[in-house]
Amino acid sequence: MKPFNLALSFQNGNPEAGGNDAKLAMIVNGQYVQDTYLPDQENWGINATQTEVVYLKAGTNTVRYWRFDMTLPNEA
């Protein structure tokens, strides 16, 4: 497997809730890899990018993100 920079574009703004980082589970090829934290951007109109190093196999890979309060799929 080879390391790749994976960039996730997002909007995370919720000032009424005190501004909290969003926590997502990263699933690569059906396997849980790590948690990803998306920092609060103070309002929903601000675009941001979170970049992380992910190890991927040659060929096609599937990357999914799941919110911490959602049930992970059976293959994870």
PDB file of N, CA and C in Angstrom:
ATOM      1  N   MET A   1       0.840  -1.179   0.000  1.00  0.00           N
ATOM      2  CA  MET A   1       0.000   0.000   0.000  1.00  0.00           C
ATOM      3  C   MET A   1       0.883   1.239   0.000  1.00  0.00           C
ATOM      4  N   LYS A   2       0.344   2.288  -0.566  1.00  0.00           N
ATOM      5  CA  LYS A   2       1.070   3.535  -0.737  1.00  0.00           C
ATOM      6  C   LYS A   2       0.365   4.682  -0.024  1.00  0.00           C
ATOM      7  N   PRO A   3       1.137   5.623   0.559  1.00  0.00           N
ATOM      8  CA  PRO A   3       0.494   6.769   1.210  1.00  0.00           C
ATOM      9  C   PRO A   3       0.019   7.809   0.193  1.00  0.00           C
ATOM     10  N   PHE A   4      -1.165   8.356   0.444  1.00  0.00           N
ATOM     11  CA  PHE A   4      -1.729   9.421  -0.384  1.00  0.00           C
ATOM     12  C   PHE A   4      -2.294  10.495   0.530  1.00  0.00           C
ATOM     13  N   ASN A   5      -2.220  11.743   0.092  1.00  0.00           N
ATOM     14  CA  ASN A   5      -2.886  12.830   0.794  1.00  0.00           C
ATOM     15  C   ASN A   5      -4.337  12.849   0.335  1.00  0.00           C
ATOM     16  N   LEU A   6      -5.243  12.677   1.272  1.00  0.00           N
ATOM     17  CA  LEU A   6      -6.668  12.667   0.972  1.00  0.00           C
ATOM     18  C   LEU A   6      -7.280  13.933   1.547  1.00  0.00           C
ATOM     19  N   ALA A   7      -7.883  14.758   0.690  1.00  0.00           N
ATOM     20  CA  ALA A   7      -8.459  16.029   1.123  1.00  0.00           C
ATOM     21  C   ALA A   7      -9.978  15.929   1.143  1.00  0.00           C
ATOM     22  N   LEU A   8     -10.574  16.298   2.267  1.00  0.00           N
ATOM     23  CA  LEU A   8     -12.019  16.325   2.425  1.00  0.00           C
ATOM     24  C   LEU A   8     -12.459  17.778   2.551  1.00  0.00           C
ATOM     25  N   SER A   9     -13.299  18.222   1.629  1.00  0.00           N
ATOM     26  CA  SER A   9     -13.845  19.573   1.687  1.00  0.00           C
ATOM     27  C   SER A   9     -15.116  19.524   2.528  1.00  0.00           C
ATOM     28  N   PHE A  10     -15.294  20.497   3.433  1.00  0.00           N
ATOM     29  CA  PHE A  10     -16.439  20.450   4.336  1.00  0.00           C
ATOM     30  C   PHE A  10     -16.844  21.841   4.787  1.00  0.00           C
ATOM     31  N   GLN A  11     -18.024  21.903   5.384  1.00  0.00           N
ATOM     32  CA  GLN A  11     -18.511  23.084   6.098  1.00  0.00           C
ATOM     33  C   GLN A  11     -18.980  22.599   7.463  1.00  0.00           C
ATOM     34  N   ASN A  12     -18.468  23.178   8.528  1.00  0.00           N
ATOM     35  CA  ASN A  12     -18.862  22.807   9.881  1.00  0.00           C
ATOM     36  C   ASN A  12     -18.967  24.069  10.708  1.00  0.00           C
ATOM     37  N   GLY A  13     -20.172  24.592  10.814  1.00  0.00           N
ATOM     38  CA  GLY A  13     -20.363  25.802  11.595  1.00  0.00           C
ATOM     39  C   GLY A  13     -21.641  25.726  12.398  1.00  0.00           C
ATOM     40  N   ASN A  14     -21.514  25.836  13.692  1.00  0.00           N
ATOM     41  CA  ASN A  14     -22.683  25.764  14.546  1.00  0.00           C
ATOM     42  C   ASN A  14     -22.466  26.636  15.773  1.00  0.00           C
ATOM     43  N   PRO A  15     -22.421  27.967  15.607  1.00  0.00           N
ATOM     44  CA  PRO A  15     -22.112  28.840  16.740  1.00  0.00           C
ATOM     45  C   PRO A  15     -23.125  28.753  17.872  1.00  0.00           C
ATOM     46  N   GLU A  16     -24.392  28.393  17.578  1.00  0.00           N
ATOM     47  CA  GLU A  16     -25.387  28.273  18.637  1.00  0.00           C
ATOM     48  C   GLU A  16     -25.041  27.166  19.614  1.00  0.00           C
ATOM     49  N   ALA A  17     -24.341  26.150  19.152  1.00  0.00           N
ATOM     50  CA  ALA A  17     -23.969  25.014  20.008  1.00  0.00           C
ATOM     51  C   ALA A  17     -22.613  25.236  20.659  1.00  0.00           C
ATOM     52  N   GLY A  18     -22.066  26.426  20.535  1.00  0.00           N
ATOM     53  CA  GLY A  18     -20.776  26.710  21.161  1.00  0.00           C
ATOM     54  C   GLY A  18     -19.599  26.367  20.280  1.00  0.00           C
ATOM     55  N   GLY A  19     -19.835  25.978  19.038  1.00  0.00           N
ATOM     56  CA  GLY A  19     -18.754  25.661  18.114  1.00  0.00           C
ATOM     57  C   GLY A  19     -18.020  24.397  18.495  1.00  0.00           C
ATOM     58  N   ASN A  20     -18.389  23.298  17.892  1.00  0.00           N
ATOM     59  CA  ASN A  20     -17.763  22.018  18.194  1.00  0.00           C
ATOM     60  C   ASN A  20     -17.139  21.418  16.948  1.00  0.00           C
ATOM     61  N   ASP A  21     -15.994  20.753  17.141  1.00  0.00           N
ATOM     62  CA  ASP A  21     -15.413  19.998  16.044  1.00  0.00           C
ATOM     63  C   ASP A  21     -16.343  18.824  15.737  1.00  0.00           C
ATOM     64  N   ALA A  22     -16.478  18.486  14.454  1.00  0.00           N
ATOM     65  CA  ALA A  22     -17.257  17.322  14.059  1.00  0.00           C
ATOM     66  C   ALA A  22     -16.325  16.118  14.037  1.00  0.00           C
ATOM     67  N   LYS A  23     -16.825  14.984  14.481  1.00  0.00           N
ATOM     68  CA  LYS A  23     -16.029  13.751  14.494  1.00  0.00           C
ATOM     69  C   LYS A  23     -16.639  12.781  13.496  1.00  0.00           C
ATOM     70  N   LEU A  24     -15.819  12.305  12.566  1.00  0.00           N
ATOM     71  CA  LEU A  24     -16.251  11.325  11.580  1.00  0.00           C
ATOM     72  C   LEU A  24     -15.346  10.109  11.650  1.00  0.00           C
ATOM     73  N   ALA A  25     -15.909   8.949  11.366  1.00  0.00           N
ATOM     74  CA  ALA A  25     -15.108   7.732  11.215  1.00  0.00           C
ATOM     75  C   ALA A  25     -14.754   7.602   9.739  1.00  0.00           C
ATOM     76  N   MET A  26     -13.473   7.352   9.425  1.00  0.00           N
ATOM     77  CA  MET A  26     -13.044   7.154   8.048  1.00  0.00           C
ATOM     78  C   MET A  26     -13.014   5.649   7.762  1.00  0.00           C
ATOM     79  N   ILE A  27     -13.711   5.245   6.698  1.00  0.00           N
ATOM     80  CA  ILE A  27     -13.785   3.855   6.275  1.00  0.00           C
ATOM     81  C   ILE A  27     -13.108   3.756   4.910  1.00  0.00           C
ATOM     82  N   VAL A  28     -12.073   2.922   4.792  1.00  0.00           N
ATOM     83  CA  VAL A  28     -11.376   2.735   3.520  1.00  0.00           C
ATOM     84  C   VAL A  28     -11.521   1.271   3.120  1.00  0.00           C
ATOM     85  N   ASN A  29     -12.088   1.043   1.944  1.00  0.00           N
ATOM     86  CA  ASN A  29     -12.303  -0.305   1.426  1.00  0.00           C
ATOM     87  C   ASN A  29     -13.024  -1.190   2.435  1.00  0.00           C
ATOM     88  N   GLY A  30     -14.034  -0.606   3.113  1.00  0.00           N
ATOM     89  CA  GLY A  30     -14.859  -1.366   4.033  1.00  0.00           C
ATOM     90  C   GLY A  30     -14.286  -1.567   5.420  1.00  0.00           C
ATOM     91  N   GLN A  31     -13.110  -1.004   5.706  1.00  0.00           N
ATOM     92  CA  GLN A  31     -12.473  -1.167   7.006  1.00  0.00           C
ATOM     93  C   GLN A  31     -12.309   0.184   7.697  1.00  0.00           C
ATOM     94  N   TYR A  32     -12.651   0.225   8.994  1.00  0.00           N
ATOM     95  CA  TYR A  32     -12.421   1.442   9.776  1.00  0.00           C
ATOM     96  C   TYR A  32     -10.922   1.725   9.798  1.00  0.00           C
ATOM     97  N   VAL A  33     -10.537   2.977   9.537  1.00  0.00           N
ATOM     98  CA  VAL A  33      -9.130   3.360   9.520  1.00  0.00           C
ATOM     99  C   VAL A  33      -8.808   4.273  10.703  1.00  0.00           C
ATOM    100  N   GLN A  34      -9.593   5.342  10.868  1.00  0.00           N
ATOM    101  CA  GLN A  34      -9.303   6.310  11.920  1.00  0.00           C
ATOM    102  C   GLN A  34     -10.466   7.267  12.069  1.00  0.00           C
ATOM    103  N   ASP A  35     -10.431   8.042  13.146  1.00  0.00           N
ATOM    104  CA  ASP A  35     -11.382   9.137  13.311  1.00  0.00           C
ATOM    105  C   ASP A  35     -10.801  10.381  12.655  1.00  0.00           C
ATOM    106  N   THR A  36     -11.684  11.198  12.114  1.00  0.00           N
ATOM    107  CA  THR A  36     -11.316  12.456  11.489  1.00  0.00           C
ATOM    108  C   THR A  36     -12.071  13.569  12.213  1.00  0.00           C
ATOM    109  N   TYR A  37     -11.369  14.608  12.596  1.00  0.00           N
ATOM    110  CA  TYR A  37     -11.989  15.732  13.290  1.00  0.00           C
ATOM    111  C   TYR A  37     -11.999  16.953  12.372  1.00  0.00           C
ATOM    112  N   LEU A  38     -13.183  17.512  12.163  1.00  0.00           N
ATOM    113  CA  LEU A  38     -13.338  18.676  11.302  1.00  0.00           C
ATOM    114  C   LEU A  38     -13.584  19.889  12.191  1.00  0.00           C
ATOM    115  N   PRO A  39     -12.646  20.836  12.228  1.00  0.00           N
ATOM    116  CA  PRO A  39     -12.779  21.973  13.130  1.00  0.00           C
ATOM    117  C   PRO A  39     -13.962  22.873  12.781  1.00  0.00           C
ATOM    118  N   ASP A  40     -14.568  23.436  13.825  1.00  0.00           N
ATOM    119  CA  ASP A  40     -15.674  24.375  13.665  1.00  0.00           C
ATOM    120  C   ASP A  40     -15.178  25.610  12.918  1.00  0.00           C
ATOM    121  N   GLN A  41     -15.965  26.071  11.965  1.00  0.00           N
ATOM    122  CA  GLN A  41     -15.607  27.238  11.147  1.00  0.00           C
ATOM    123  C   GLN A  41     -16.428  28.473  11.483  1.00  0.00           C
ATOM    124  N   GLU A  42     -17.124  28.474  12.599  1.00  0.00           N
ATOM    125  CA  GLU A  42     -17.915  29.591  13.129  1.00  0.00           C
ATOM    126  C   GLU A  42     -19.235  29.843  12.415  1.00  0.00           C
ATOM    127  N   ASN A  43     -19.362  29.451  11.142  1.00  0.00           N
ATOM    128  CA  ASN A  43     -20.669  29.502  10.487  1.00  0.00           C
ATOM    129  C   ASN A  43     -20.648  28.560   9.287  1.00  0.00           C
ATOM    130  N   TRP A  44     -21.843  28.230   8.816  1.00  0.00           N
ATOM    131  CA  TRP A  44     -21.964  27.224   7.748  1.00  0.00           C
ATOM    132  C   TRP A  44     -21.543  27.754   6.379  1.00  0.00           C
ATOM    133  N   GLY A  45     -21.279  29.024   6.226  1.00  0.00           N
ATOM    134  CA  GLY A  45     -20.910  29.576   4.929  1.00  0.00           C
ATOM    135  C   GLY A  45     -19.422  29.516   4.628  1.00  0.00           C
ATOM    136  N   ILE A  46     -18.634  28.951   5.516  1.00  0.00           N
ATOM    137  CA  ILE A  46     -17.180  28.907   5.327  1.00  0.00           C
ATOM    138  C   ILE A  46     -16.766  27.512   4.872  1.00  0.00           C
ATOM    139  N   ASN A  47     -16.115  27.434   3.712  1.00  0.00           N
ATOM    140  CA  ASN A  47     -15.585  26.156   3.228  1.00  0.00           C
ATOM    141  C   ASN A  47     -14.205  25.933   3.815  1.00  0.00           C
ATOM    142  N   ALA A  48     -13.910  24.695   4.175  1.00  0.00           N
ATOM    143  CA  ALA A  48     -12.596  24.341   4.704  1.00  0.00           C
ATOM    144  C   ALA A  48     -12.197  22.984   4.128  1.00  0.00           C
ATOM    145  N   THR A  49     -10.920  22.643   4.258  1.00  0.00           N
ATOM    146  CA  THR A  49     -10.411  21.363   3.791  1.00  0.00           C
ATOM    147  C   THR A  49      -9.578  20.724   4.892  1.00  0.00           C
ATOM    148  N   GLN A  50      -9.827  19.454   5.130  1.00  0.00           N
ATOM    149  CA  GLN A  50      -9.038  18.659   6.078  1.00  0.00           C
ATOM    150  C   GLN A  50      -8.265  17.646   5.251  1.00  0.00           C
ATOM    151  N   THR A  51      -6.935  17.643   5.349  1.00  0.00           N
ATOM    152  CA  THR A  51      -6.106  16.714   4.583  1.00  0.00           C
ATOM    153  C   THR A  51      -5.406  15.752   5.529  1.00  0.00           C
ATOM    154  N   GLU A  52      -5.480  14.460   5.194  1.00  0.00           N
ATOM    155  CA  GLU A  52      -4.847  13.422   6.008  1.00  0.00           C
ATOM    156  C   GLU A  52      -4.142  12.425   5.099  1.00  0.00           C
ATOM    157  N   VAL A  53      -3.132  11.774   5.627  1.00  0.00           N
ATOM    158  CA  VAL A  53      -2.429  10.736   4.888  1.00  0.00           C
ATOM    159  C   VAL A  53      -3.187   9.421   5.063  1.00  0.00           C
ATOM    160  N   VAL A  54      -3.497   8.778   3.932  1.00  0.00           N
ATOM    161  CA  VAL A  54      -4.219   7.511   3.933  1.00  0.00           C
ATOM    162  C   VAL A  54      -3.444   6.536   3.062  1.00  0.00           C
ATOM    163  N   TYR A  55      -3.352   5.293   3.513  1.00  0.00           N
ATOM    164  CA  TYR A  55      -2.657   4.259   2.738  1.00  0.00           C
ATOM    165  C   TYR A  55      -3.675   3.517   1.890  1.00  0.00           C
ATOM    166  N   LEU A  56      -3.457   3.544   0.564  1.00  0.00           N
ATOM    167  CA  LEU A  56      -4.381   2.938  -0.380  1.00  0.00           C
ATOM    168  C   LEU A  56      -3.679   1.886  -1.214  1.00  0.00           C
ATOM    169  N   LYS A  57      -4.443   0.866  -1.621  1.00  0.00           N
ATOM    170  CA  LYS A  57      -3.913  -0.178  -2.500  1.00  0.00           C
ATOM    171  C   LYS A  57      -3.917   0.325  -3.943  1.00  0.00           C
ATOM    172  N   ALA A  58      -3.192  -0.355  -4.814  1.00  0.00           N
ATOM    173  CA  ALA A  58      -3.205  -0.001  -6.232  1.00  0.00           C
ATOM    174  C   ALA A  58      -4.595  -0.269  -6.797  1.00  0.00           C
ATOM    175  N   GLY A  59      -5.036   0.562  -7.732  1.00  0.00           N
ATOM    176  CA  GLY A  59      -6.341   0.375  -8.348  1.00  0.00           C
ATOM    177  C   GLY A  59      -7.413   1.217  -7.688  1.00  0.00           C
ATOM    178  N   THR A  60      -8.631   0.706  -7.689  1.00  0.00           N
ATOM    179  CA  THR A  60      -9.783   1.440  -7.168  1.00  0.00           C
ATOM    180  C   THR A  60      -9.921   1.247  -5.665  1.00  0.00           C
ATOM    181  N   ASN A  61     -10.151   2.341  -4.942  1.00  0.00           N
ATOM    182  CA  ASN A  61     -10.378   2.316  -3.505  1.00  0.00           C
ATOM    183  C   ASN A  61     -11.670   3.064  -3.208  1.00  0.00           C
ATOM    184  N   THR A  62     -12.335   2.674  -2.135  1.00  0.00           N
ATOM    185  CA  THR A  62     -13.553   3.344  -1.693  1.00  0.00           C
ATOM    186  C   THR A  62     -13.296   3.958  -0.328  1.00  0.00           C
ATOM    187  N   VAL A  63     -13.537   5.266  -0.217  1.00  0.00           N
ATOM    188  CA  VAL A  63     -13.379   5.974   1.055  1.00  0.00           C
ATOM    189  C   VAL A  63     -14.733   6.548   1.429  1.00  0.00           C
ATOM    190  N   ARG A  64     -15.167   6.278   2.667  1.00  0.00           N
ATOM    191  CA  ARG A  64     -16.429   6.818   3.168  1.00  0.00           C
ATOM    192  C   ARG A  64     -16.189   7.430   4.539  1.00  0.00           C
ATOM    193  N   TYR A  65     -17.017   8.385   4.865  1.00  0.00           N
ATOM    194  CA  TYR A  65     -16.994   9.000   6.188  1.00  0.00           C
ATOM    195  C   TYR A  65     -18.355   8.793   6.826  1.00  0.00           C
ATOM    196  N   TRP A  66     -18.347   8.475   8.124  1.00  0.00           N
ATOM    197  CA  TRP A  66     -19.591   8.282   8.869  1.00  0.00           C
ATOM    198  C   TRP A  66     -19.555   9.162  10.094  1.00  0.00           C
ATOM    199  N   ARG A  67     -20.674   9.848  10.365  1.00  0.00           N
ATOM    200  CA  ARG A  67     -20.772  10.637  11.592  1.00  0.00           C
ATOM    201  C   ARG A  67     -20.733   9.723  12.798  1.00  0.00           C
ATOM    202  N   PHE A  68     -20.200  10.230  13.900  1.00  0.00           N
ATOM    203  CA  PHE A  68     -20.071   9.439  15.117  1.00  0.00           C
ATOM    204  C   PHE A  68     -21.411   8.950  15.654  1.00  0.00           C
ATOM    205  N   ASP A  69     -22.503   9.626  15.317  1.00  0.00           N
ATOM    206  CA  ASP A  69     -23.807   9.234  15.838  1.00  0.00           C
ATOM    207  C   ASP A  69     -24.596   8.357  14.865  1.00  0.00           C
ATOM    208  N   MET A  70     -23.953   7.890  13.801  1.00  0.00           N
ATOM    209  CA  MET A  70     -24.606   6.996  12.841  1.00  0.00           C
ATOM    210  C   MET A  70     -24.080   5.581  13.059  1.00  0.00           C
ATOM    211  N   THR A  71     -24.869   4.584  12.683  1.00  0.00           N
ATOM    212  CA  THR A  71     -24.439   3.207  12.762  1.00  0.00           C
ATOM    213  C   THR A  71     -23.542   2.910  11.568  1.00  0.00           C
ATOM    214  N   LEU A  72     -22.375   2.322  11.849  1.00  0.00           N
ATOM    215  CA  LEU A  72     -21.450   1.984  10.772  1.00  0.00           C
ATOM    216  C   LEU A  72     -22.038   0.848   9.944  1.00  0.00           C
ATOM    217  N   PRO A  73     -21.705   0.788   8.654  1.00  0.00           N
ATOM    218  CA  PRO A  73     -22.216  -0.288   7.810  1.00  0.00           C
ATOM    219  C   PRO A  73     -21.664  -1.640   8.258  1.00  0.00           C
ATOM    220  N   ASN A  74     -22.329  -2.705   7.900  1.00  0.00           N
ATOM    221  CA  ASN A  74     -21.922  -4.053   8.326  1.00  0.00           C
ATOM    222  C   ASN A  74     -20.523  -4.439   7.873  1.00  0.00           C
ATOM    223  N   GLU A  75     -20.081  -3.937   6.714  1.00  0.00           N
ATOM    224  CA  GLU A  75     -18.755  -4.343   6.220  1.00  0.00           C
ATOM    225  C   GLU A  75     -17.625  -3.662   6.962  1.00  0.00           C
ATOM    226  N   ALA A  76     -17.894  -2.664   7.791  1.00  0.00           N
ATOM    227  CA  ALA A  76     -16.828  -1.957   8.520  1.00  0.00           C
ATOM    228  C   ALA A  76     -16.426  -2.702   9.765  1.00  0.00           C
TER     229      ALA A  76
END
